[in-house]
Amino acid sequence: MLTKEYITELKHNANGDIAKLIEVQRDVGSINFILENLGQLPNDFDAQFLYHLLKHNHAQVRLNAVKNIGKLNGKSDVKSLYTLYQHETDTGVRREIVSAIGRQRKCENKPLLYSFLQDADPKKTKEQNSIRK
């Protein structure tokens, strides 16, 4: 049975146990439960499996993967996030991608963040206003 405590224990093992746990899950609810309960990620966390989840069929899984990628303290792959942004149809996932890139607070990401302001999606107004500040 999946519990928050079990997920926390696996997360700190640093040997890919979380990735293995997600790989054997067959239902979206369990995958989302794991992703939503990862919490703060350790510095040595192997997050490669999160990038594979960016291609998942369900938008909520992609959203939770992006949220966790945003927790990587500037170690995230901006190219992968931007590629997903270009093809993503779900507004929630797109907004989270912008937030994840913005949370890195890297000067080299500014042009990319400014390019998001040109997006025609009206639901992104909140994110756009926070970038302008």
Protein backbone atom coordinates (compact mmCIF):
# COMPACT_ATOMS: atom_id res chain seq x y z
CA MET A 1 0.00 0.00 0.00
CA LEU A 2 1.26 3.48 -0.87
CA THR A 3 1.73 5.91 2.00
CA LYS A 4 3.42 9.29 2.33
CA GLU A 5 5.94 7.74 4.72
CA TYR A 6 6.84 4.99 2.25
CA ILE A 7 7.29 7.54 -0.54
CA THR A 8 9.52 9.68 1.69
CA GLU A 9 11.63 6.65 2.59
CA LEU A 10 12.10 5.67 -1.05
CA LYS A 11 12.88 9.25 -2.04
CA HIS A 12 15.87 9.38 0.31
CA ASN A 13 17.33 6.04 -0.86
CA ALA A 14 18.88 7.83 -3.89
CA ASN A 15 18.95 4.66 -5.97
CA GLY A 16 15.97 5.21 -8.26
CA ASP A 17 13.40 3.45 -6.08
CA ILE A 18 10.77 6.13 -6.77
CA ALA A 19 11.24 5.67 -10.51
CA LYS A 20 10.87 1.90 -10.13
CA LEU A 21 7.74 2.36 -8.00
CA ILE A 22 6.13 4.62 -10.62
CA GLU A 23 7.12 2.27 -13.42
CA VAL A 24 5.12 -0.61 -11.92
CA GLN A 25 2.00 1.48 -11.31
CA ARG A 26 -0.81 0.79 -13.75
CA ASP A 27 -3.30 3.44 -12.69
CA VAL A 28 -3.01 7.19 -12.99
CA GLY A 29 -4.29 7.76 -9.46
CA SER A 30 -1.35 5.92 -7.91
CA ILE A 31 1.17 7.74 -10.09
CA ASN A 32 -0.35 11.08 -9.14
CA PHE A 33 -0.39 10.13 -5.45
CA ILE A 34 3.33 9.39 -5.58
CA LEU A 35 4.16 12.59 -7.47
CA GLU A 36 1.97 14.75 -5.23
CA ASN A 37 3.63 13.39 -2.10
CA LEU A 38 7.29 13.65 -3.05
CA GLY A 39 7.69 16.89 -1.12
CA GLN A 40 11.09 18.57 -1.00
CA LEU A 41 13.57 16.72 -3.17
CA PRO A 42 17.06 15.86 -1.90
CA ASN A 43 20.05 17.32 -3.74
CA ASP A 44 21.08 13.88 -5.04
CA PHE A 45 17.59 13.00 -6.28
CA ASP A 46 17.64 11.21 -9.64
CA ALA A 47 14.86 13.01 -11.51
CA GLN A 48 15.33 11.46 -14.96
CA PHE A 49 12.06 9.53 -14.67
CA LEU A 50 10.18 12.84 -14.29
CA TYR A 51 11.23 13.84 -17.81
CA HIS A 52 9.84 10.57 -19.16
CA LEU A 53 6.52 11.41 -17.48
CA LEU A 54 6.32 14.63 -19.52
CA LYS A 55 5.14 12.39 -22.37
CA HIS A 56 2.41 10.69 -20.33
CA ASN A 57 -1.12 10.57 -21.80
CA HIS A 58 -2.78 12.16 -18.77
CA ALA A 59 -2.42 15.90 -18.25
CA GLN A 60 -2.46 15.61 -14.43
CA VAL A 61 0.57 13.30 -14.51
CA ARG A 62 2.40 15.75 -16.78
CA LEU A 63 1.43 18.62 -14.45
CA ASN A 64 2.73 16.79 -11.37
CA ALA A 65 5.94 15.85 -13.19
CA VAL A 66 6.53 19.51 -14.12
CA LYS A 67 5.84 20.60 -10.51
CA ASN A 68 8.50 18.20 -9.27
CA ILE A 69 10.95 19.22 -11.96
CA GLY A 70 10.46 22.78 -10.72
CA LYS A 71 11.70 21.64 -7.28
CA LEU A 72 15.12 20.66 -8.61
CA ASN A 73 16.76 23.93 -7.48
CA GLY A 74 17.91 25.15 -10.88
CA LYS A 75 18.98 21.72 -12.11
CA SER A 76 16.06 21.24 -14.45
CA ASP A 77 16.32 20.80 -18.21
CA VAL A 78 14.74 23.96 -19.60
CA LYS A 79 14.86 22.61 -23.17
CA SER A 80 12.64 19.67 -22.25
CA LEU A 81 10.19 21.94 -20.48
CA TYR A 82 10.08 24.38 -23.39
CA THR A 83 9.56 21.55 -25.90
CA LEU A 84 6.62 20.31 -23.84
CA TYR A 85 5.27 23.86 -23.64
CA GLN A 86 5.26 24.19 -27.42
CA HIS A 87 3.14 21.05 -27.87
CA GLU A 88 1.06 21.07 -24.69
CA THR A 89 -2.67 21.70 -25.02
CA ASP A 90 -3.57 21.70 -21.31
CA THR A 91 -3.49 25.23 -19.87
CA GLY A 92 -2.66 24.03 -16.36
CA VAL A 93 0.42 22.18 -17.54
CA ARG A 94 1.52 25.15 -19.64
CA ARG A 95 1.18 27.50 -16.65
CA GLU A 96 3.18 25.14 -14.46
CA ILE A 97 5.96 24.98 -17.07
CA VAL A 98 6.25 28.77 -16.99
CA SER A 99 6.35 28.68 -13.19
CA ALA A 100 8.98 25.91 -13.11
CA ILE A 101 11.26 27.85 -15.44
CA GLY A 102 10.67 31.09 -13.55
CA ARG A 103 11.47 29.47 -10.18
CA GLN A 104 15.01 28.83 -11.36
CA ARG A 105 15.68 32.57 -11.24
CA LYS A 106 18.39 32.36 -13.89
CA CYS A 107 19.15 35.40 -16.02
CA GLU A 108 19.63 33.23 -19.10
CA ASN A 109 15.96 32.20 -18.85
CA LYS A 110 14.65 35.77 -19.13
CA PRO A 111 14.30 35.82 -22.95
CA LEU A 112 12.38 32.55 -22.79
CA LEU A 113 10.12 33.87 -20.04
CA TYR A 114 9.47 37.03 -22.02
CA SER A 115 8.56 34.93 -25.05
CA PHE A 116 5.79 33.33 -22.98
CA LEU A 117 4.17 36.76 -22.77
CA GLN A 118 3.28 36.49 -26.45
CA ASP A 119 1.11 33.43 -25.81
CA ALA A 120 -2.52 33.89 -26.84
CA ASP A 121 -3.90 31.65 -24.06
CA PRO A 122 -6.12 33.98 -21.96
CA LYS A 123 -5.94 31.70 -18.91
CA LYS A 124 -2.26 32.47 -18.51
CA THR A 125 -2.84 36.11 -17.56
CA LYS A 126 -1.88 35.47 -13.92
CA GLU A 127 1.49 33.96 -14.89
CA GLN A 128 2.17 36.71 -17.39
CA ASN A 129 1.51 39.42 -14.81
CA SER A 130 3.93 37.77 -12.37
CA ILE A 131 6.67 37.68 -15.04
CA ARG A 132 6.28 41.39 -15.76
CA LYS A 133 6.93 42.36 -12.12
